[in-house]
């Protein structure tokens, strides 16, 4: 095996621990429930609103929900940028 292949496969520091070469995302933060937006019927924010206001409020709530999820993914990937690979234990399809 050539040195370049070995460095690419195992990491620049060949004596680093395996756990230091691979980064893992938190499975509880990337599960299906965490990236699926749902609003229950008994939500206090939607109480006493018109239909148009509810639609607009749901759009804003969904945007905030997705932004929080994306911030976690981006932050985790920045923290793990020096790793050889990042493993997500959830299957994105």
N, C-alpha and C. Protein backbone atom coordinates (compact mmCIF):
# COMPACT_ATOMS: atom_id res chain seq x y z
N UNK A 1 0.86 -1.17 0.00
CA UNK A 1 0.00 0.00 0.00
C UNK A 1 0.91 1.24 0.00
N UNK A 2 0.60 2.15 -0.89
CA UNK A 2 1.38 3.38 -0.97
C UNK A 2 1.09 4.28 0.23
N UNK A 3 2.04 5.15 0.54
CA UNK A 3 1.87 6.04 1.69
C UNK A 3 0.66 6.96 1.52
N UNK A 4 0.44 7.47 0.32
CA UNK A 4 -0.71 8.37 0.08
C UNK A 4 -2.03 7.65 0.30
N UNK A 5 -2.11 6.42 -0.15
CA UNK A 5 -3.33 5.64 0.07
C UNK A 5 -3.55 5.38 1.55
N UNK A 6 -2.47 5.06 2.23
CA UNK A 6 -2.57 4.78 3.65
C UNK A 6 -3.00 6.03 4.42
N UNK A 7 -2.45 7.17 4.06
CA UNK A 7 -2.82 8.42 4.72
C UNK A 7 -4.28 8.76 4.46
N UNK A 8 -4.73 8.57 3.23
CA UNK A 8 -6.11 8.87 2.88
C UNK A 8 -7.07 7.92 3.59
N UNK A 9 -6.70 6.67 3.71
CA UNK A 9 -7.59 5.68 4.30
C UNK A 9 -7.63 5.77 5.82
N UNK A 10 -6.50 5.93 6.43
CA UNK A 10 -6.45 5.82 7.88
C UNK A 10 -6.35 7.15 8.61
N UNK A 11 -5.85 8.18 8.04
CA UNK A 11 -5.76 9.50 8.65
C UNK A 11 -4.32 9.95 8.49
N UNK A 12 -4.08 11.21 8.64
CA UNK A 12 -2.70 11.67 8.50
C UNK A 12 -1.81 11.16 9.64
N UNK A 13 -2.39 10.99 10.83
CA UNK A 13 -1.65 10.42 11.94
C UNK A 13 -2.00 8.93 12.01
N UNK A 14 -1.09 8.09 11.59
CA UNK A 14 -1.38 6.67 11.50
C UNK A 14 -1.53 6.01 12.86
N UNK A 15 -1.06 6.68 13.92
CA UNK A 15 -1.13 6.10 15.24
C UNK A 15 -2.28 6.66 16.06
N UNK A 16 -3.15 7.44 15.43
CA UNK A 16 -4.32 7.97 16.14
C UNK A 16 -5.29 6.84 16.43
N UNK A 17 -6.05 7.00 17.50
CA UNK A 17 -7.05 5.99 17.84
C UNK A 17 -8.14 5.97 16.78
N UNK A 18 -8.78 4.83 16.62
CA UNK A 18 -9.85 4.70 15.64
C UNK A 18 -10.98 5.66 15.94
N UNK A 19 -11.30 5.87 17.22
CA UNK A 19 -12.41 6.76 17.58
C UNK A 19 -12.10 8.21 17.23
N UNK A 20 -10.82 8.54 17.12
CA UNK A 20 -10.45 9.90 16.73
C UNK A 20 -10.50 10.10 15.23
N UNK A 21 -10.50 9.02 14.46
CA UNK A 21 -10.56 9.13 13.00
C UNK A 21 -11.97 9.24 12.48
N UNK A 22 -12.93 8.71 13.23
CA UNK A 22 -14.33 8.66 12.77
C UNK A 22 -15.18 9.53 13.69
N UNK A 23 -16.04 10.36 13.08
CA UNK A 23 -16.96 11.17 13.86
C UNK A 23 -18.37 10.62 13.74
N UNK A 24 -19.11 10.68 14.81
CA UNK A 24 -20.47 10.15 14.83
C UNK A 24 -21.46 11.26 15.17
N UNK A 25 -22.55 11.33 14.42
CA UNK A 25 -23.64 12.24 14.75
C UNK A 25 -24.53 11.60 15.81
N UNK A 26 -25.15 12.42 16.62
CA UNK A 26 -26.03 11.93 17.69
C UNK A 26 -27.30 11.34 17.07
N UNK A 27 -27.57 10.05 17.25
CA UNK A 27 -28.75 9.45 16.63
C UNK A 27 -30.07 10.01 17.16
N UNK A 28 -30.07 10.52 18.40
CA UNK A 28 -31.29 11.11 18.94
C UNK A 28 -31.58 12.47 18.31
N UNK A 29 -30.57 13.15 17.81
CA UNK A 29 -30.77 14.46 17.21
C UNK A 29 -31.09 14.37 15.72
N UNK A 30 -30.85 13.21 15.09
CA UNK A 30 -31.12 13.11 13.66
C UNK A 30 -32.19 12.08 13.34
N UNK A 31 -32.94 11.63 14.36
CA UNK A 31 -33.99 10.64 14.11
C UNK A 31 -35.14 11.28 13.32
N UNK A 32 -36.04 10.45 12.85
CA UNK A 32 -37.13 10.92 12.00
C UNK A 32 -38.01 11.95 12.71
N UNK A 33 -38.25 11.75 13.99
CA UNK A 33 -39.09 12.68 14.73
C UNK A 33 -38.46 14.06 14.81
N UNK A 34 -37.14 14.12 14.86
CA UNK A 34 -36.44 15.40 14.98
C UNK A 34 -36.46 16.21 13.69
N UNK A 35 -36.62 15.57 12.54
CA UNK A 35 -36.64 16.35 11.30
C UNK A 35 -37.98 16.29 10.56
N UNK A 36 -39.04 15.88 11.28
CA UNK A 36 -40.39 15.90 10.73
C UNK A 36 -41.22 16.90 11.54
N UNK A 37 -41.72 17.91 10.86
CA UNK A 37 -42.48 18.97 11.51
C UNK A 37 -43.93 18.55 11.67
N UNK A 38 -44.43 18.62 12.90
CA UNK A 38 -45.83 18.31 13.19
C UNK A 38 -46.35 19.32 14.20
N UNK A 39 -47.61 19.74 14.01
CA UNK A 39 -48.27 20.64 14.95
C UNK A 39 -49.53 19.96 15.42
N UNK A 40 -49.66 19.82 16.74
CA UNK A 40 -50.85 19.21 17.30
C UNK A 40 -52.03 20.16 17.32
N UNK A 41 -53.21 19.63 17.42
CA UNK A 41 -54.42 20.45 17.43
C UNK A 41 -54.57 21.31 18.67
N UNK A 42 -53.99 20.92 19.79
CA UNK A 42 -54.12 21.67 21.03
C UNK A 42 -52.99 22.66 21.27
N UNK A 43 -52.36 23.13 20.21
CA UNK A 43 -51.25 24.06 20.35
C UNK A 43 -51.77 25.42 20.83
N UNK A 44 -51.18 25.97 21.90
CA UNK A 44 -51.64 27.24 22.46
C UNK A 44 -51.37 28.42 21.54
N UNK A 45 -50.35 28.34 20.72
CA UNK A 45 -50.04 29.44 19.81
C UNK A 45 -51.09 29.59 18.71
N UNK A 46 -51.79 28.52 18.39
CA UNK A 46 -52.79 28.57 17.32
C UNK A 46 -54.19 28.87 17.85
N UNK A 47 -54.33 28.95 19.16
CA UNK A 47 -55.64 29.19 19.76
C UNK A 47 -56.10 30.61 19.46
N UNK A 48 -57.36 30.76 19.07
CA UNK A 48 -58.00 32.05 18.82
C UNK A 48 -57.35 32.81 17.66
N UNK A 49 -57.02 32.10 16.57
CA UNK A 49 -56.45 32.71 15.37
C UNK A 49 -57.36 32.38 14.18
N UNK A 50 -57.31 33.22 13.18
CA UNK A 50 -58.07 32.96 11.96
C UNK A 50 -57.33 31.92 11.11
N UNK A 51 -57.99 31.40 10.10
CA UNK A 51 -57.39 30.36 9.25
C UNK A 51 -56.15 30.88 8.53
N UNK A 52 -56.19 32.13 8.05
CA UNK A 52 -55.04 32.69 7.35
C UNK A 52 -53.86 32.89 8.30
N UNK A 53 -54.14 33.33 9.52
CA UNK A 53 -53.08 33.52 10.50
C UNK A 53 -52.45 32.19 10.89
N UNK A 54 -53.28 31.14 10.97
CA UNK A 54 -52.77 29.81 11.32
C UNK A 54 -51.83 29.30 10.24
N UNK A 55 -52.21 29.51 8.98
CA UNK A 55 -51.35 29.07 7.88
C UNK A 55 -50.01 29.79 7.92
N UNK A 56 -50.02 31.10 8.12
CA UNK A 56 -48.79 31.87 8.18
C UNK A 56 -47.95 31.48 9.40
N UNK A 57 -48.61 31.27 10.53
CA UNK A 57 -47.89 30.89 11.75
C UNK A 57 -47.25 29.52 11.60
N UNK A 58 -47.95 28.59 10.96
CA UNK A 58 -47.38 27.26 10.73
C UNK A 58 -46.17 27.33 9.80
N UNK A 59 -46.20 28.20 8.80
CA UNK A 59 -45.05 28.37 7.90
C UNK A 59 -43.84 28.87 8.68
N UNK A 60 -44.06 29.85 9.55
CA UNK A 60 -42.96 30.38 10.37
C UNK A 60 -42.43 29.33 11.34
N UNK A 61 -43.34 28.57 11.95
CA UNK A 61 -42.93 27.53 12.89
C UNK A 61 -42.12 26.45 12.17
N UNK A 62 -42.53 26.09 10.97
CA UNK A 62 -41.80 25.08 10.20
C UNK A 62 -40.42 25.59 9.81
N UNK A 63 -40.33 26.86 9.43
CA UNK A 63 -39.04 27.44 9.07
C UNK A 63 -38.08 27.43 10.26
N UNK A 64 -38.58 27.81 11.44
CA UNK A 64 -37.75 27.80 12.64
C UNK A 64 -37.32 26.38 13.02
N UNK A 65 -38.25 25.43 12.88
CA UNK A 65 -37.98 24.03 13.19
C UNK A 65 -36.86 23.49 12.30
N UNK A 66 -36.96 23.75 10.99
CA UNK A 66 -35.95 23.26 10.05
C UNK A 66 -34.61 23.96 10.27
N UNK A 67 -34.65 25.23 10.64
CA UNK A 67 -33.41 25.97 10.88
C UNK A 67 -32.66 25.38 12.07
N UNK A 68 -33.37 25.03 13.13
CA UNK A 68 -32.72 24.44 14.31
C UNK A 68 -32.07 23.10 13.96
N UNK A 69 -32.75 22.32 13.14
CA UNK A 69 -32.21 21.02 12.72
C UNK A 69 -30.96 21.21 11.87
N UNK A 70 -31.02 22.14 10.94
CA UNK A 70 -29.87 22.40 10.06
C UNK A 70 -28.69 22.97 10.84
N UNK A 71 -28.97 23.78 11.85
CA UNK A 71 -27.89 24.33 12.68
C UNK A 71 -27.17 23.20 13.41
N UNK A 72 -27.91 22.22 13.92
CA UNK A 72 -27.26 21.10 14.59
C UNK A 72 -26.35 20.36 13.61
N UNK A 73 -26.85 20.04 12.42
CA UNK A 73 -26.05 19.30 11.45
C UNK A 73 -24.80 20.08 11.05
N UNK A 74 -24.97 21.36 10.78
CA UNK A 74 -23.83 22.18 10.40
C UNK A 74 -22.80 22.29 11.52
N UNK A 75 -23.27 22.50 12.74
CA UNK A 75 -22.37 22.62 13.88
C UNK A 75 -21.62 21.31 14.13
N UNK A 76 -22.32 20.19 14.05
CA UNK A 76 -21.69 18.89 14.26
C UNK A 76 -20.64 18.62 13.19
N UNK A 77 -20.94 18.97 11.95
CA UNK A 77 -19.97 18.72 10.87
C UNK A 77 -18.75 19.62 11.00
N UNK A 78 -18.94 20.84 11.48
CA UNK A 78 -17.79 21.70 11.72
C UNK A 78 -16.92 21.17 12.86
N UNK A 79 -17.54 20.64 13.90
CA UNK A 79 -16.77 20.07 15.00
C UNK A 79 -15.99 18.83 14.57
N UNK A 80 -16.53 18.09 13.61
CA UNK A 80 -15.92 16.83 13.19
C UNK A 80 -15.16 16.96 11.86
N UNK A 81 -14.82 18.17 11.47
CA UNK A 81 -14.20 18.39 10.15
C UNK A 81 -12.82 17.77 10.03
N UNK A 82 -12.12 17.54 11.13
CA UNK A 82 -10.78 16.96 11.05
C UNK A 82 -10.81 15.44 11.03
N UNK A 83 -11.97 14.84 11.11
CA UNK A 83 -12.10 13.38 11.11
C UNK A 83 -12.02 12.85 9.68
N UNK A 84 -11.70 11.60 9.56
CA UNK A 84 -11.60 10.97 8.24
C UNK A 84 -12.98 10.82 7.61
N UNK A 85 -13.98 10.53 8.43
CA UNK A 85 -15.34 10.43 7.93
C UNK A 85 -16.32 10.73 9.06
N UNK A 86 -17.55 11.04 8.68
CA UNK A 86 -18.61 11.29 9.66
C UNK A 86 -19.69 10.24 9.43
N UNK A 87 -20.03 9.52 10.47
CA UNK A 87 -21.02 8.45 10.38
C UNK A 87 -22.33 8.94 10.97
N UNK A 88 -23.41 8.77 10.21
CA UNK A 88 -24.73 9.06 10.75
C UNK A 88 -25.49 7.75 10.86
N UNK A 89 -25.90 7.36 12.05
CA UNK A 89 -26.55 6.09 12.24
C UNK A 89 -28.01 6.08 11.77
N UNK A 90 -28.41 7.08 11.05
CA UNK A 90 -29.75 7.15 10.48
C UNK A 90 -29.64 7.10 8.98
N UNK A 91 -30.51 6.36 8.33
CA UNK A 91 -30.43 6.21 6.90
C UNK A 91 -31.24 7.33 6.22
N UNK A 92 -30.55 8.29 5.62
CA UNK A 92 -31.22 9.38 4.91
C UNK A 92 -31.62 8.88 3.53
N UNK A 93 -32.92 8.97 3.22
CA UNK A 93 -33.38 8.54 1.90
C UNK A 93 -34.12 9.64 1.21
